[in-house]
Amino acid sequence: MRLRARRAVASMPHDALCGIIALALALCGGFRLSAAPVTVDRVAFLPARFFVGEEVEAIALVHFDAASVEAFAAKAGAGLPVVSAQADPELRSLSLSKGPDGWELRWRFVAWTPGKGRIPAMELRGLSIPAVDYQAYSVLGPQDRDLSPPKPQLDPPGTSLYLYGFAAFVLFLVFLVFAVVSWLLPAARALLERRKAAQARKTLARTLAWLGKDLKTARPADFYAALARALRNYLAIRVLPGAPALTPAELAALREDCFPAPGLRDEVSDLLAESDAVRYAGDKADLPRMREAIARASKIGDLAEEALDARL
């Protein structure tokens, strides 16, 4: 039998024999090059409770069967897999290091959507890294969102007279206090509001004028950063105190009556979304587009002041 096998191999054509040997080497090499699976023992987040737009570090204690794997540090655009600019979460870095309790994986990322999310699985440096789940929170409270109207209250039988009487008494007290305060401090409060409003609008106008002078030499990312900061500061003083902490998507989720003029909410969120796209997603911005952004910011200030003056 052995003699027959040797004769069969000897009589086999040279090209076929080389093909079989190459196939066997490729299969063996494929098994050796397969990524080693990573097992996550526990995960902690710093900070433990984080909000949309905040950079977070996830630290996981892991173990794997790969003696040749070494510590590494990879960043977005320099070692990490290429993902879409609109990826959520935005993964900024990933590192592997040896800690006192064993191997540690550290992700740095930013979540842009409130609720449950997941850092995607990936293969990197010979390791098959699993996905990691997280929970991101919004700075908006439930009362700040558009909600369906609540169902009417069902009053207990026989208590409506007491309830309405108590409510009328409370309203009378509130009206009395309001009348006294309004009678004592009308001039001072009106003067303070007018000065505050004028100062906020002048500051926005000065910033826009300064940006308009340096358009030809300004970098688009720096231009939009200054524009967004000036607009958010103006909104915080005149329209919405929490505007500097809200993303464009969160501003768009606010009720329309949080803004003094119809359509102002959408205009603000669109302009700030354009700013984020240029600053973080690499969107192109030429001089006409930057001039239009200045005009849109100035129009937002004019619309807000006209609507606020009409309320006085």
Protein backbone atom coordinates (compact mmCIF):
# COMPACT_ATOMS: atom_id res chain seq x y z
CA MET A 1 0.00 0.00 0.00
CA ARG A 2 2.77 2.45 0.91
CA LEU A 3 4.57 1.67 -2.34
CA ARG A 4 1.41 2.32 -4.33
CA ALA A 5 0.87 5.65 -2.54
CA ARG A 6 4.43 6.74 -3.25
CA ARG A 7 4.05 5.80 -6.91
CA ALA A 8 0.78 7.72 -7.10
CA VAL A 9 2.38 10.85 -5.66
CA ALA A 10 5.42 10.44 -7.91
CA SER A 11 3.21 10.08 -10.95
CA MET A 12 1.09 13.12 -10.04
CA PRO A 13 1.68 16.16 -12.32
CA HIS A 14 4.00 18.79 -10.89
CA ASP A 15 1.44 21.69 -11.13
CA ALA A 16 -1.27 19.73 -9.28
CA LEU A 17 1.14 18.79 -6.50
CA CYS A 18 2.18 22.46 -6.06
CA GLY A 19 -1.47 23.55 -5.96
CA ILE A 20 -2.32 21.08 -3.17
CA ILE A 21 0.69 22.21 -1.10
CA ALA A 22 -0.22 25.93 -1.58
CA LEU A 23 -3.84 25.26 -0.53
CA ALA A 24 -2.72 23.47 2.63
CA LEU A 25 -0.37 26.33 3.55
CA ALA A 26 -3.11 28.92 2.96
CA LEU A 27 -5.55 27.06 5.21
CA CYS A 28 -2.96 26.74 7.96
CA GLY A 29 -2.06 30.41 7.65
CA GLY A 30 -5.73 31.38 7.84
CA PHE A 31 -6.13 29.56 11.14
CA ARG A 32 -3.02 31.22 12.54
CA LEU A 33 -4.10 34.74 11.44
CA SER A 34 -7.65 34.58 12.83
CA ALA A 35 -8.30 37.21 15.53
CA ALA A 36 -8.33 36.01 19.13
CA PRO A 37 -11.73 36.53 20.81
CA VAL A 38 -11.78 38.93 23.76
CA THR A 39 -13.89 38.19 26.84
CA VAL A 40 -15.06 41.20 28.88
CA ASP A 41 -15.26 40.54 32.62
CA ARG A 42 -16.62 43.92 33.73
CA VAL A 43 -17.06 47.45 32.35
CA ALA A 44 -17.02 50.81 34.15
CA PHE A 45 -17.70 54.29 32.74
CA LEU A 46 -16.07 57.59 33.76
CA PRO A 47 -18.26 59.44 34.58
CA ALA A 48 -20.73 56.75 35.60
CA ARG A 49 -23.73 58.87 34.47
CA PHE A 50 -23.03 60.92 31.37
CA PHE A 51 -24.95 63.13 28.99
CA VAL A 52 -25.19 63.59 25.23
CA GLY A 53 -22.14 65.40 23.81
CA GLU A 54 -19.89 64.56 26.77
CA GLU A 55 -16.62 62.66 26.25
CA VAL A 56 -16.69 59.41 28.24
CA GLU A 57 -14.08 56.76 29.02
CA ALA A 58 -15.18 53.12 29.22
CA ILE A 59 -12.75 50.82 31.06
CA ALA A 60 -13.13 47.03 30.70
CA LEU A 61 -11.16 44.26 32.39
CA VAL A 62 -10.62 41.62 29.66
CA HIS A 63 -8.79 38.40 29.00
CA PHE A 64 -7.90 36.50 25.81
CA ASP A 65 -5.74 33.65 24.53
CA ALA A 66 -3.10 35.40 22.46
CA ALA A 67 0.45 35.39 23.75
CA SER A 68 1.76 37.60 20.92
CA VAL A 69 -0.63 40.53 21.55
CA GLU A 70 1.05 43.67 22.93
CA ALA A 71 -0.29 46.88 24.47
CA PHE A 72 -1.38 49.51 21.93
CA ALA A 73 -3.13 52.87 21.64
CA ALA A 74 -5.14 53.81 18.54
CA LYS A 75 -7.01 57.03 17.73
CA ALA A 76 -9.62 58.02 15.18
CA GLY A 77 -7.84 58.44 11.88
CA ALA A 78 -4.67 56.83 13.25
CA GLY A 79 -5.19 53.14 13.84
CA LEU A 80 -8.94 52.81 14.42
CA PRO A 81 -11.19 51.39 11.68
CA VAL A 82 -12.61 54.08 9.37
CA VAL A 83 -16.28 54.83 10.08
CA SER A 84 -18.84 57.32 8.79
CA ALA A 85 -18.62 60.92 10.02
CA GLN A 86 -22.21 60.57 11.27
CA ALA A 87 -21.40 57.46 13.36
CA ASP A 88 -23.04 57.39 16.78
CA PRO A 89 -21.28 57.00 19.12
CA GLU A 90 -18.20 58.87 17.93
CA LEU A 91 -15.23 56.65 18.87
CA ARG A 92 -12.16 58.81 19.51
CA SER A 93 -9.59 56.33 20.85
CA LEU A 94 -9.07 52.73 21.94
CA SER A 95 -6.13 51.40 23.95
CA LEU A 96 -4.99 48.13 25.49
CA SER A 97 -2.73 48.14 28.55
CA LYS A 98 -1.63 45.87 31.36
CA GLY A 99 -3.13 46.91 34.69
CA PRO A 100 -2.78 45.58 38.24
CA ASP A 101 -5.77 43.27 37.73
CA GLY A 102 -4.89 42.17 34.19
CA TRP A 103 -5.42 43.48 30.66
CA GLU A 104 -7.57 46.62 30.33
CA LEU A 105 -9.34 48.00 27.26
CA ARG A 106 -10.14 51.71 27.31
CA TRP A 107 -12.55 53.38 24.88
CA ARG A 108 -12.96 57.15 24.64
CA PHE A 109 -16.19 58.08 22.89
CA VAL A 110 -18.97 60.68 22.63
CA ALA A 111 -22.65 59.68 22.43
CA TRP A 112 -24.83 62.01 20.36
CA THR A 113 -28.21 60.33 20.96
CA PRO A 114 -29.87 59.95 24.37
CA GLY A 115 -30.90 56.46 25.49
CA LYS A 116 -29.32 53.06 25.11
CA GLY A 117 -26.41 52.75 22.69
CA ARG A 118 -23.58 50.41 21.77
CA ILE A 119 -19.92 50.76 20.92
CA PRO A 120 -19.61 48.45 17.89
CA ALA A 121 -17.51 45.30 17.84
CA MET A 122 -14.29 45.36 15.82
CA GLU A 123 -11.13 43.41 15.00
CA LEU A 124 -7.91 45.24 15.83
CA ARG A 125 -4.28 44.17 16.40
CA GLY A 126 -5.13 40.46 16.28
CA LEU A 127 -8.04 40.75 18.73
CA SER A 128 -11.77 40.32 18.15
CA ILE A 129 -13.21 43.00 20.47
CA PRO A 130 -16.91 42.61 21.36
CA ALA A 131 -19.51 45.39 21.45
CA VAL A 132 -20.10 47.36 24.67
CA ASP A 133 -23.54 48.68 25.68
CA TYR A 134 -24.06 52.03 27.42
CA GLN A 135 -26.81 54.44 28.52
CA ALA A 136 -26.58 58.17 27.67
CA TYR A 137 -28.83 60.81 29.22
CA SER A 138 -30.19 64.12 27.93
CA VAL A 139 -29.89 67.43 29.77
CA LEU A 140 -33.53 68.08 28.86
CA GLY A 141 -36.18 67.18 31.40
CA PRO A 142 -39.47 65.51 30.46
CA GLN A 143 -41.26 68.87 30.81
CA ASP A 144 -39.12 70.41 28.04
CA ARG A 145 -40.24 68.03 25.28
CA ASP A 146 -43.29 67.94 23.05
CA LEU A 147 -45.64 65.54 24.77
CA SER A 148 -49.15 64.39 24.01
CA PRO A 149 -51.82 66.27 26.04
CA PRO A 150 -52.52 64.66 29.42
CA LYS A 151 -55.87 63.09 30.13
CA PRO A 152 -58.32 65.30 32.07
CA GLN A 153 -58.21 64.92 35.84
CA LEU A 154 -61.04 62.96 37.42
CA ASP A 155 -62.07 64.89 40.53
CA PRO A 156 -63.37 62.91 43.52
CA PRO A 157 -67.13 63.36 44.00
CA GLY A 158 -68.12 66.16 46.38
CA THR A 159 -64.70 67.84 46.51
CA SER A 160 -64.88 70.20 43.53
CA LEU A 161 -66.17 73.12 45.64
CA TYR A 162 -63.28 72.89 48.09
CA LEU A 163 -60.74 72.43 45.34
CA TYR A 164 -61.94 75.39 43.29
CA GLY A 165 -62.28 77.56 46.39
CA PHE A 166 -58.74 76.76 47.48
CA ALA A 167 -57.45 77.40 43.96
CA ALA A 168 -59.24 80.76 43.83
CA PHE A 169 -57.73 81.74 47.18
CA VAL A 170 -54.23 80.81 46.00
CA LEU A 171 -54.73 82.73 42.77
CA PHE A 172 -55.88 85.75 44.72
CA LEU A 173 -52.78 85.65 46.91
CA VAL A 174 -50.55 85.28 43.84
CA PHE A 175 -52.29 88.18 42.14
CA LEU A 176 -51.96 90.33 45.28
CA VAL A 177 -48.23 89.64 45.59
CA PHE A 178 -47.70 90.24 41.89
CA ALA A 179 -49.62 93.53 42.05
CA VAL A 180 -47.56 94.77 45.00
CA VAL A 181 -44.25 93.85 43.41
CA SER A 182 -45.27 95.34 40.05
CA TRP A 183 -46.36 98.54 41.77
CA LEU A 184 -43.10 98.92 43.69
CA LEU A 185 -40.51 97.93 41.07
CA PRO A 186 -41.88 98.59 37.57
CA ALA A 187 -39.39 101.22 36.47
CA ALA A 188 -36.29 99.44 37.80
CA ARG A 189 -37.23 96.11 36.28
CA ALA A 190 -38.08 97.60 32.89
CA LEU A 191 -34.81 99.53 32.82
CA LEU A 192 -32.80 96.43 33.74
CA GLU A 193 -34.50 94.32 31.05
CA ARG A 194 -33.97 96.96 28.36
CA ARG A 195 -30.30 97.33 29.24
CA LYS A 196 -29.75 93.58 29.33
CA ALA A 197 -31.51 93.07 25.99
CA ALA A 198 -29.63 95.91 24.29
CA GLN A 199 -26.29 94.66 25.58
CA ALA A 200 -26.93 91.10 24.38
CA ARG A 201 -27.95 92.26 20.88
CA LYS A 202 -24.98 94.65 20.62
CA THR A 203 -22.57 91.90 21.65
CA LEU A 204 -23.95 89.58 18.97
CA ALA A 205 -23.78 92.35 16.36
CA ARG A 206 -20.15 93.21 17.26
CA THR A 207 -19.11 89.57 17.03
CA LEU A 208 -20.79 89.13 13.64
CA ALA A 209 -19.15 92.32 12.34
CA TRP A 210 -15.74 91.13 13.52
CA LEU A 211 -16.26 87.74 11.85
CA GLY A 212 -17.29 89.47 8.63
CA LYS A 213 -14.04 91.45 8.47
CA ASP A 214 -11.77 88.39 8.73
CA LEU A 215 -13.65 86.03 6.40
CA LYS A 216 -10.88 85.73 3.82
CA THR A 217 -8.24 84.66 6.34
CA ALA A 218 -10.43 82.75 8.80
CA ARG A 219 -10.42 78.95 8.95
CA PRO A 220 -14.00 77.63 8.49
CA ALA A 221 -13.85 75.54 11.67
CA ASP A 222 -12.68 78.53 13.77
CA PHE A 223 -15.23 80.81 12.11
CA TYR A 224 -18.16 78.50 12.88
CA ALA A 225 -16.91 77.91 16.44
CA ALA A 226 -16.96 81.66 17.16
CA LEU A 227 -20.32 82.08 15.39
CA ALA A 228 -21.94 79.24 17.36
CA ARG A 229 -20.55 80.53 20.66
CA ALA A 230 -21.85 84.06 20.07
CA LEU A 231 -25.29 82.80 19.02
CA ARG A 232 -25.59 80.44 22.00
CA ASN A 233 -24.59 83.23 24.44
CA TYR A 234 -27.21 85.54 22.93
CA LEU A 235 -29.92 82.86 23.17
CA ALA A 236 -28.97 82.12 26.77
CA ILE A 237 -29.55 85.77 27.75
CA ARG A 238 -32.61 86.61 25.66
CA VAL A 239 -34.45 83.37 24.83
CA LEU A 240 -33.32 80.14 26.47
CA PRO A 241 -30.97 79.99 29.49
CA GLY A 242 -30.00 76.37 28.78
CA ALA A 243 -29.06 76.97 25.13
CA PRO A 244 -25.24 76.61 25.57
CA ALA A 245 -25.65 73.05 26.91
CA LEU A 246 -28.01 71.77 24.18
CA THR A 247 -27.07 70.08 20.91
CA PRO A 248 -28.84 71.08 17.67
CA ALA A 249 -30.96 67.91 17.85
CA GLU A 250 -32.02 68.73 21.42
CA LEU A 251 -32.92 72.30 20.45
CA ALA A 252 -35.07 70.94 17.63
CA ALA A 253 -36.87 68.69 20.15
CA LEU A 254 -38.00 71.64 22.30
CA ARG A 255 -41.55 72.92 22.18
CA GLU A 256 -42.17 75.68 19.66
CA ASP A 257 -43.46 78.03 22.39
CA CYS A 258 -40.02 77.95 24.09
CA PHE A 259 -39.00 80.49 21.42
CA PRO A 260 -40.60 83.94 21.05
CA ALA A 261 -41.22 83.76 17.28
CA PRO A 262 -42.62 80.96 15.04
CA GLY A 263 -39.89 79.22 13.05
CA LEU A 264 -37.12 80.57 15.26
CA ARG A 265 -36.47 77.15 16.83
CA ASP A 266 -35.88 75.48 13.44
CA GLU A 267 -33.69 78.33 12.19
CA VAL A 268 -31.48 78.17 15.29
CA SER A 269 -31.12 74.38 15.25
CA ASP A 270 -30.35 74.35 11.49
CA LEU A 271 -27.60 76.98 11.79
CA LEU A 272 -25.97 75.24 14.77
CA ALA A 273 -26.20 71.88 12.96
CA GLU A 274 -24.39 73.48 9.99
CA SER A 275 -21.72 74.72 12.40
CA ASP A 276 -21.21 71.23 13.88
CA ALA A 277 -21.03 69.68 10.41
CA VAL A 278 -18.20 72.02 9.39
CA ARG A 279 -16.33 71.73 12.71
CA TYR A 280 -16.61 68.00 13.37
CA ALA A 281 -17.68 66.27 10.15
CA GLY A 282 -15.33 68.07 7.77
CA ASP A 283 -18.12 69.71 5.74
CA LYS A 284 -16.80 72.30 3.27
CA ALA A 285 -17.60 75.98 3.76
CA ASP A 286 -16.68 78.68 1.26
CA LEU A 287 -16.93 82.48 1.59
CA PRO A 288 -20.54 82.77 0.27
CA ARG A 289 -21.70 80.12 2.73
CA MET A 290 -19.93 81.84 5.63
CA ARG A 291 -21.43 85.21 4.68
CA GLU A 292 -24.86 83.57 4.56
CA ALA A 293 -24.26 82.11 8.04
CA ILE A 294 -23.54 85.63 9.39
CA ALA A 295 -26.71 86.94 7.77
CA ARG A 296 -28.76 84.08 9.23
CA ALA A 297 -27.40 84.71 12.75
CA SER A 298 -28.19 88.42 12.44
CA LYS A 299 -31.71 87.60 11.24
CA ILE A 300 -32.21 85.30 14.24
CA GLY A 301 -31.30 88.18 16.57
CA ASP A 302 -33.66 90.57 14.74
CA LEU A 303 -36.59 88.13 14.83
CA ALA A 304 -36.09 87.40 18.51
CA GLU A 305 -35.89 91.09 19.46
CA GLU A 306 -38.98 91.98 17.42
CA ALA A 307 -41.00 89.18 19.02
CA LEU A 308 -39.77 90.00 22.54
CA ASP A 309 -40.50 93.72 22.07
CA ALA A 310 -44.03 92.86 20.91
CA ARG A 311 -44.63 91.05 24.22
CA LEU A 312 -43.83 94.16 26.28
